N, C-alpha and C. Protein backbone atom coordinates (compact mmCIF):
# COMPACT_ATOMS: atom_id res chain seq x y z
N MET A 1 -24.79 -4.16 -8.18
CA MET A 1 -24.47 -5.61 -7.94
C MET A 1 -23.23 -6.56 -8.54
N LEU A 2 -22.10 -5.74 -9.12
CA LEU A 2 -20.86 -6.13 -9.45
C LEU A 2 -20.18 -6.06 -8.38
N TYR A 3 -20.39 -5.03 -7.41
CA TYR A 3 -19.45 -4.51 -6.41
C TYR A 3 -19.97 -5.59 -5.61
N PHE A 4 -21.04 -6.23 -5.29
CA PHE A 4 -21.57 -6.86 -4.16
C PHE A 4 -20.73 -8.39 -4.36
N LEU A 5 -20.73 -8.67 -5.82
CA LEU A 5 -19.87 -9.92 -6.59
C LEU A 5 -18.49 -9.83 -6.01
N TYR A 6 -18.02 -8.58 -6.42
CA TYR A 6 -16.13 -8.41 -5.98
C TYR A 6 -16.07 -8.33 -4.67
N LYS A 7 -16.52 -8.50 -3.68
CA LYS A 7 -16.80 -8.31 -2.37
C LYS A 7 -16.69 -10.14 -2.05
N ILE A 8 -18.00 -10.69 -2.57
CA ILE A 8 -18.03 -11.83 -1.96
C ILE A 8 -16.53 -12.81 -3.10
N ALA A 9 -16.01 -12.35 -3.96
CA ALA A 9 -15.13 -13.13 -4.53
C ALA A 9 -13.75 -12.82 -3.42
N TRP A 10 -13.60 -11.82 -2.75
CA TRP A 10 -12.48 -11.43 -1.90
C TRP A 10 -12.87 -12.56 -0.44
N TRP A 11 -13.99 -12.87 -0.61
CA TRP A 11 -14.34 -13.76 0.98
C TRP A 11 -13.59 -14.76 0.37
N LEU A 12 -13.32 -15.38 -1.21
CA LEU A 12 -13.37 -16.45 -1.63
C LEU A 12 -12.02 -17.02 -1.91
N VAL A 13 -11.47 -15.64 -2.37
CA VAL A 13 -10.23 -16.01 -2.47
C VAL A 13 -8.65 -14.98 -1.67
N LEU A 14 -9.11 -14.81 -0.49
CA LEU A 14 -8.35 -14.11 0.20
C LEU A 14 -7.50 -15.02 1.19
N ILE A 15 -7.63 -15.93 1.88
CA ILE A 15 -6.34 -17.43 2.00
C ILE A 15 -5.50 -17.63 0.67
N PRO A 16 -6.45 -18.04 -0.03
CA PRO A 16 -5.42 -18.81 -1.15
C PRO A 16 -4.50 -17.36 -1.54
N ALA A 17 -5.09 -16.39 -1.63
CA ALA A 17 -4.03 -14.93 -2.22
C ALA A 17 -3.13 -14.78 -1.39
N PHE A 18 -3.13 -14.99 -0.17
CA PHE A 18 -2.27 -14.63 1.21
C PHE A 18 -1.18 -16.10 1.09
N LEU A 19 -1.69 -16.82 0.97
CA LEU A 19 -0.86 -17.90 0.47
C LEU A 19 0.09 -17.77 -0.35
N TYR A 20 -0.59 -17.79 -1.28
CA TYR A 20 0.13 -17.70 -2.86
C TYR A 20 1.35 -16.51 -2.65
N ARG A 21 0.75 -15.30 -2.01
CA ARG A 21 1.64 -14.59 -1.59
C ARG A 21 2.86 -14.48 -0.65
N LEU A 22 2.48 -15.62 0.42
CA LEU A 22 3.71 -15.85 0.78
C LEU A 22 5.03 -16.91 0.22
N TRP A 23 4.14 -17.52 -0.57
CA TRP A 23 4.67 -18.92 -1.11
C TRP A 23 5.91 -17.95 -2.09
N LYS A 24 5.19 -17.24 -2.84
CA LYS A 24 5.94 -16.30 -3.85
C LYS A 24 7.26 -15.02 -3.21
N ASP A 25 7.14 -14.77 -2.03
CA ASP A 25 7.95 -13.98 -1.45
C ASP A 25 8.69 -14.86 -0.50
N ARG A 26 8.86 -16.32 -0.61
CA ARG A 26 9.42 -16.98 0.58
C ARG A 26 11.04 -16.41 0.41
N HIS A 27 11.81 -16.25 -0.69
CA HIS A 27 12.71 -16.12 -0.92
C HIS A 27 12.99 -14.55 -0.60
N GLN A 28 12.25 -13.76 -0.06
CA GLN A 28 12.72 -12.26 -0.06
C GLN A 28 12.52 -11.69 1.59
N ASP A 29 13.52 -12.10 2.06
CA ASP A 29 13.44 -11.39 3.54
C ASP A 29 12.31 -10.52 4.05
N CYS A 30 12.49 -9.24 2.98
CA CYS A 30 11.82 -8.47 3.65
C CYS A 30 10.50 -8.49 3.55
N ALA A 31 9.78 -9.38 2.22
CA ALA A 31 8.65 -9.45 2.02
C ALA A 31 8.06 -10.32 2.97
N PHE A 32 8.66 -11.44 3.52
CA PHE A 32 8.11 -12.24 3.85
C PHE A 32 7.79 -12.13 5.34
N LYS A 33 8.60 -11.31 6.03
CA LYS A 33 8.84 -10.81 7.59
C LYS A 33 7.46 -9.48 7.62
N ARG A 34 7.19 -9.02 6.44
CA ARG A 34 6.27 -7.96 6.49
C ARG A 34 4.95 -8.38 5.58
N SER A 35 4.65 -9.61 5.59
CA SER A 35 3.69 -10.11 4.63
C SER A 35 2.07 -9.76 5.63
N LEU A 36 2.66 -10.02 6.61
CA LEU A 36 1.14 -9.66 7.73
C LEU A 36 0.70 -8.05 7.42
N GLU A 37 1.40 -7.11 6.31
CA GLU A 37 0.75 -5.76 6.01
C GLU A 37 -0.37 -6.18 5.03
N ARG A 38 -0.18 -6.45 4.55
CA ARG A 38 -0.65 -7.33 3.17
C ARG A 38 -2.71 -7.42 3.96
N LEU A 39 -2.53 -7.92 5.26
CA LEU A 39 -3.89 -8.19 5.72
C LEU A 39 -3.90 -6.95 6.95
N ALA A 40 -3.05 -5.96 6.58
CA ALA A 40 -3.30 -4.63 7.59
C ALA A 40 -3.23 -4.50 9.22
N ILE A 41 -2.03 -5.70 8.98
CA ILE A 41 -1.86 -5.95 10.75
C ILE A 41 0.02 -5.67 10.48
N GLY A 42 0.35 -5.60 11.40
CA GLY A 42 1.86 -5.26 11.86
C GLY A 42 2.49 -3.63 11.57
N ALA A 43 2.05 -3.06 10.53
CA ALA A 43 2.51 -1.64 10.21
C ALA A 43 2.26 -0.84 11.57
N ASN A 44 3.35 -0.39 12.00
CA ASN A 44 3.16 0.72 12.62
C ASN A 44 3.60 1.93 12.03
N LEU A 45 2.28 2.94 11.48
CA LEU A 45 2.67 4.00 10.38
C LEU A 45 1.83 5.35 11.49
N PRO A 46 2.33 6.17 10.97
CA PRO A 46 2.05 7.53 11.38
C PRO A 46 0.52 7.72 11.34
N ARG A 47 -0.37 8.41 11.75
CA ARG A 47 -1.85 8.41 11.66
C ARG A 47 -1.69 9.92 10.84
N HIS A 48 -2.98 10.17 10.09
CA HIS A 48 -2.98 11.47 9.71
C HIS A 48 -1.79 12.25 8.60
N ALA A 49 -1.16 11.09 8.32
CA ALA A 49 0.02 11.21 7.20
C ALA A 49 -0.86 11.52 5.79
N ILE A 50 0.01 11.84 4.64
CA ILE A 50 -0.37 11.74 3.06
C ILE A 50 -0.03 10.49 2.70
N LEU A 51 -1.07 9.47 2.41
CA LEU A 51 -0.80 8.27 2.06
C LEU A 51 -0.84 8.39 0.35
N VAL A 52 0.21 7.87 -0.33
CA VAL A 52 0.47 7.87 -1.42
C VAL A 52 0.84 6.40 -2.20
N HIS A 53 -0.34 6.27 -3.18
CA HIS A 53 -0.42 4.11 -3.55
C HIS A 53 0.20 4.78 -5.13
N ALA A 54 1.30 3.52 -5.12
CA ALA A 54 1.75 3.80 -6.67
C ALA A 54 1.86 2.26 -6.91
N VAL A 55 1.38 1.69 -7.53
CA VAL A 55 1.10 -0.23 -7.11
C VAL A 55 2.85 -0.46 -7.65
N SER A 56 3.54 -0.32 -8.82
CA SER A 56 4.92 -0.98 -9.01
C SER A 56 5.71 0.01 -9.19
N LEU A 57 7.17 -0.13 -9.66
CA LEU A 57 8.05 0.26 -9.97
C LEU A 57 7.82 1.68 -11.08
N GLY A 58 7.29 1.46 -11.86
CA GLY A 58 6.63 2.27 -13.15
C GLY A 58 6.13 3.69 -12.54
N GLU A 59 4.82 3.28 -11.66
CA GLU A 59 4.40 4.01 -11.20
C GLU A 59 5.21 4.95 -10.08
N VAL A 60 5.74 4.18 -9.35
CA VAL A 60 6.51 5.20 -8.14
C VAL A 60 7.50 6.10 -8.72
N ARG A 61 8.47 5.39 -10.17
CA ARG A 61 9.40 6.58 -10.63
C ARG A 61 8.19 7.63 -11.34
N ALA A 62 7.04 7.19 -11.62
CA ALA A 62 6.03 8.35 -12.12
C ALA A 62 5.43 9.84 -11.13
N ILE A 63 5.20 9.22 -9.92
CA ILE A 63 4.86 9.89 -9.15
C ILE A 63 5.96 10.74 -8.15
N THR A 64 7.21 10.23 -8.14
CA THR A 64 8.37 10.58 -7.53
C THR A 64 8.68 12.26 -7.62
N PRO A 65 8.32 12.84 -8.86
CA PRO A 65 8.39 14.58 -8.67
C PRO A 65 7.20 14.99 -7.67
N LEU A 66 6.23 14.46 -7.49
CA LEU A 66 5.01 14.81 -7.10
C LEU A 66 5.51 14.80 -5.53
N VAL A 67 5.84 13.46 -5.27
CA VAL A 67 6.17 13.37 -3.64
C VAL A 67 7.31 14.08 -2.95
N GLU A 68 8.33 14.16 -4.19
CA GLU A 68 9.42 15.71 -3.44
C GLU A 68 8.83 16.72 -3.41
N ALA A 69 7.62 17.42 -4.54
CA ALA A 69 7.30 18.58 -4.06
C ALA A 69 6.14 18.49 -2.98
N LEU A 70 5.51 17.49 -2.58
CA LEU A 70 4.65 17.10 -1.19
C LEU A 70 5.80 17.46 0.06
N LEU A 71 6.76 17.04 -0.07
CA LEU A 71 8.06 16.74 1.17
C LEU A 71 8.87 18.55 1.08
N LYS A 72 8.44 18.93 0.36
CA LYS A 72 8.89 20.39 0.31
C LYS A 72 7.97 21.40 0.70
N ALA A 73 6.78 21.31 0.07
CA ALA A 73 5.49 21.99 0.40
C ALA A 73 4.88 21.71 2.22
N TYR A 74 5.01 20.27 2.32
CA TYR A 74 4.20 20.05 3.55
C TYR A 74 5.48 19.22 4.47
N PRO A 75 6.61 19.98 4.88
CA PRO A 75 7.42 19.26 6.08
C PRO A 75 7.03 18.84 6.96
N HIS A 76 6.30 19.53 7.76
CA HIS A 76 5.29 18.78 9.40
C HIS A 76 4.59 17.81 8.71
N LEU A 77 4.22 17.29 7.61
CA LEU A 77 3.23 16.21 7.48
C LEU A 77 4.12 15.00 7.26
N GLN A 78 3.77 13.98 7.12
CA GLN A 78 4.68 12.59 7.11
C GLN A 78 3.86 12.03 5.67
N ILE A 79 4.63 11.36 5.27
CA ILE A 79 4.39 10.74 4.00
C ILE A 79 4.17 9.01 3.91
N ILE A 80 3.33 8.44 3.74
CA ILE A 80 3.01 6.83 3.40
C ILE A 80 3.22 6.81 2.33
N MET A 81 4.09 5.82 1.65
CA MET A 81 3.99 5.15 0.21
C MET A 81 3.58 3.94 0.09
N SER A 82 2.63 3.46 -0.18
CA SER A 82 2.17 2.17 -1.07
C SER A 82 2.62 1.65 -1.67
N CYS A 83 2.89 0.36 -1.84
CA CYS A 83 2.84 -0.25 -3.19
C CYS A 83 2.68 -1.70 -3.02
N ILE A 84 2.53 -2.53 -3.90
CA ILE A 84 2.37 -3.78 -4.21
C ILE A 84 3.69 -4.93 -4.38
N THR A 85 4.30 -4.60 -5.20
CA THR A 85 5.42 -4.99 -5.90
C THR A 85 6.81 -4.58 -4.70
N LEU A 86 7.54 -5.60 -5.00
CA LEU A 86 8.92 -5.67 -4.38
C LEU A 86 9.70 -4.76 -5.02
N THR A 87 9.79 -4.50 -6.39
CA THR A 87 10.46 -3.56 -6.97
C THR A 87 9.95 -2.27 -6.68
N GLY A 88 8.38 -2.15 -6.70
CA GLY A 88 8.69 -0.92 -6.23
C GLY A 88 9.01 -0.52 -4.39
N ARG A 89 8.87 -1.53 -3.60
CA ARG A 89 9.32 -1.03 -2.74
C ARG A 89 10.81 -0.91 -2.89
N ALA A 90 11.46 -1.51 -3.82
CA ALA A 90 12.76 -1.16 -3.69
C ALA A 90 13.32 0.21 -4.20
N GLN A 91 12.41 1.02 -4.94
CA GLN A 91 12.62 2.03 -5.31
C GLN A 91 12.23 2.95 -4.50
N ILE A 92 10.93 2.70 -3.71
CA ILE A 92 10.74 3.71 -2.53
C ILE A 92 11.94 4.26 -1.90
N LEU A 93 12.69 2.99 -1.52
CA LEU A 93 13.75 2.83 -0.23
C LEU A 93 14.96 3.66 -0.79
N LYS A 94 15.38 3.28 -2.25
CA LYS A 94 16.33 3.97 -2.95
C LYS A 94 16.15 5.62 -3.11
N THR A 95 15.17 5.54 -3.29
CA THR A 95 14.73 7.38 -3.70
C THR A 95 14.45 7.98 -2.40
N PHE A 96 13.70 7.55 -1.55
CA PHE A 96 13.43 8.19 -0.48
C PHE A 96 14.07 7.51 1.10
N LYS A 97 15.10 7.06 1.16
CA LYS A 97 15.16 6.44 2.00
C LYS A 97 14.70 6.66 3.55
N THR A 98 14.75 7.35 4.46
CA THR A 98 13.60 7.37 5.48
C THR A 98 12.98 8.40 5.25
N ARG A 99 12.81 9.63 4.23
CA ARG A 99 12.08 10.17 4.29
C ARG A 99 10.43 10.43 4.40
N VAL A 100 10.50 8.78 3.72
CA VAL A 100 8.88 8.56 3.73
C VAL A 100 8.87 7.27 4.18
N HIS A 101 7.55 6.87 4.75
CA HIS A 101 7.15 5.40 5.55
C HIS A 101 6.70 4.78 4.30
N HIS A 102 7.13 3.53 4.12
CA HIS A 102 6.67 2.62 3.23
C HIS A 102 5.94 0.99 3.66
N VAL A 103 4.56 0.68 3.08
CA VAL A 103 3.58 -0.23 3.65
C VAL A 103 3.36 -0.70 2.38
N PHE A 104 3.32 -1.80 2.29
CA PHE A 104 2.73 -2.85 1.41
C PHE A 104 0.86 -2.54 1.71
N LEU A 105 0.26 -2.13 0.25
CA LEU A 105 -1.01 -2.00 0.64
C LEU A 105 -1.65 -3.00 0.50
N PRO A 106 -2.79 -3.12 1.72
CA PRO A 106 -3.09 -4.35 2.11
C PRO A 106 -4.36 -5.19 0.77
N PHE A 107 -4.40 -6.27 0.99
CA PHE A 107 -5.33 -6.98 -0.33
C PHE A 107 -6.68 -5.44 -0.10
N ASP A 108 -7.49 -5.44 -1.41
CA ASP A 108 -8.98 -5.16 -1.31
C ASP A 108 -10.26 -5.74 -0.88
N HIS A 109 -9.87 -6.10 0.30
CA HIS A 109 -11.05 -7.03 0.85
C HIS A 109 -11.83 -6.17 1.48
N ASN A 110 -12.83 -5.92 1.96
CA ASN A 110 -13.73 -4.79 2.47
C ASN A 110 -13.17 -4.33 3.99
N LEU A 111 -13.30 -5.58 4.63
CA LEU A 111 -12.45 -5.55 5.84
C LEU A 111 -11.17 -4.99 6.46
N ILE A 112 -10.31 -5.68 5.43
CA ILE A 112 -9.24 -5.29 5.53
C ILE A 112 -8.75 -3.98 5.37
N MET A 113 -9.40 -3.54 4.17
CA MET A 113 -9.09 -2.24 3.94
C MET A 113 -9.76 -1.26 4.79
N HIS A 114 -10.84 -1.53 5.27
CA HIS A 114 -11.64 -0.46 6.23
C HIS A 114 -10.40 -0.49 7.56
N MET A 115 -10.01 -1.75 7.85
CA MET A 115 -8.95 -1.36 9.25
C MET A 115 -7.74 -0.94 9.04
N PHE A 116 -7.13 -1.07 7.66
CA PHE A 116 -6.23 0.20 6.95
C PHE A 116 -6.51 1.26 7.55
N LEU A 117 -7.36 1.51 6.60
CA LEU A 117 -8.01 3.28 6.79
C LEU A 117 -7.91 3.64 7.84
N HIS A 118 -8.84 3.11 8.71
CA HIS A 118 -9.48 3.45 10.25
C HIS A 118 -7.70 3.50 10.99
N LYS A 119 -6.79 2.53 10.87
CA LYS A 119 -5.83 2.95 11.40
C LYS A 119 -5.10 3.78 11.04
N LEU A 120 -4.79 4.05 9.49
CA LEU A 120 -4.32 5.34 8.99
C LEU A 120 -4.80 6.40 9.29
N ALA A 121 -5.76 6.58 9.16
CA ALA A 121 -6.69 8.06 9.16
C ALA A 121 -6.15 8.97 8.64
N PRO A 122 -5.72 8.76 7.10
CA PRO A 122 -4.88 9.48 6.52
C PRO A 122 -5.29 10.71 6.07
N LYS A 123 -4.59 12.18 6.06
CA LYS A 123 -5.57 13.58 5.55
C LYS A 123 -5.79 13.28 4.37
N ILE A 124 -5.03 12.67 3.26
CA ILE A 124 -5.39 12.99 1.67
C ILE A 124 -4.57 11.68 1.29
N ILE A 125 -5.38 10.99 0.13
CA ILE A 125 -4.91 9.79 -0.48
C ILE A 125 -4.66 10.09 -1.89
N ILE A 126 -3.50 9.77 -2.36
CA ILE A 126 -3.18 10.16 -3.64
C ILE A 126 -2.95 8.81 -4.30
N ILE A 127 -3.53 8.24 -5.58
CA ILE A 127 -3.64 7.04 -5.69
C ILE A 127 -2.78 7.37 -7.62
N MET A 128 -1.48 6.42 -7.31
CA MET A 128 -1.03 6.57 -9.21
C MET A 128 -1.31 5.45 -9.56
N GLU A 129 -2.01 5.06 -10.26
CA GLU A 129 -2.69 3.79 -11.13
C GLU A 129 -3.84 3.94 -11.84
N THR A 130 -3.90 2.96 -12.59
CA THR A 130 -5.05 2.89 -13.62
C THR A 130 -6.04 1.66 -12.94
N GLU A 131 -4.91 0.78 -12.17
CA GLU A 131 -5.90 -0.48 -11.42
C GLU A 131 -7.17 0.07 -10.38
N ILE A 132 -8.21 -0.84 -10.64
CA ILE A 132 -9.41 -0.15 -9.85
C ILE A 132 -9.28 -0.72 -8.25
N TRP A 133 -9.64 -0.23 -6.89
CA TRP A 133 -9.44 -0.87 -6.03
C TRP A 133 -10.99 -0.51 -5.38
N PRO A 134 -11.91 -1.03 -5.96
CA PRO A 134 -13.01 -0.38 -5.09
C PRO A 134 -13.18 -0.02 -3.18
N ASN A 135 -12.75 -1.07 -3.06
CA ASN A 135 -13.00 -1.10 -1.30
C ASN A 135 -11.91 -0.25 -0.60
N LEU A 136 -10.59 0.41 -1.78
CA LEU A 136 -9.94 1.53 -1.54
C LEU A 136 -10.47 2.86 -1.17
N PHE A 137 -10.64 3.02 -2.62
CA PHE A 137 -12.03 4.44 -3.10
C PHE A 137 -13.01 4.38 -2.08
């Protein structure tokens, strides 16, 4: 029942949430241009990669040793790191440069997340956070 209410809530807040994100990121060129990623549109990412999700700066820093180990252990696999915040994105780019791909994790709307996961078809998903994303799970 709670999951059903969660899905209904996303249908109600999706457009306001997207507009808020556009307004909040209006001065950040990279975020505005990549805002459609939050709807699972526009990102051209490799399929069958390892997807590592870290919400923001702290989680990105905490998972960096694991990502470094993955890069060494599986050089034949591509790694996609997703985050939500601009500071998380900046840390990913600073630490890994072009060794990993970056994407903003889409909103946890059931259809959007389904499109995102279907498009990527990741081999494995590693989530570094305590927040719950039911549609991602």
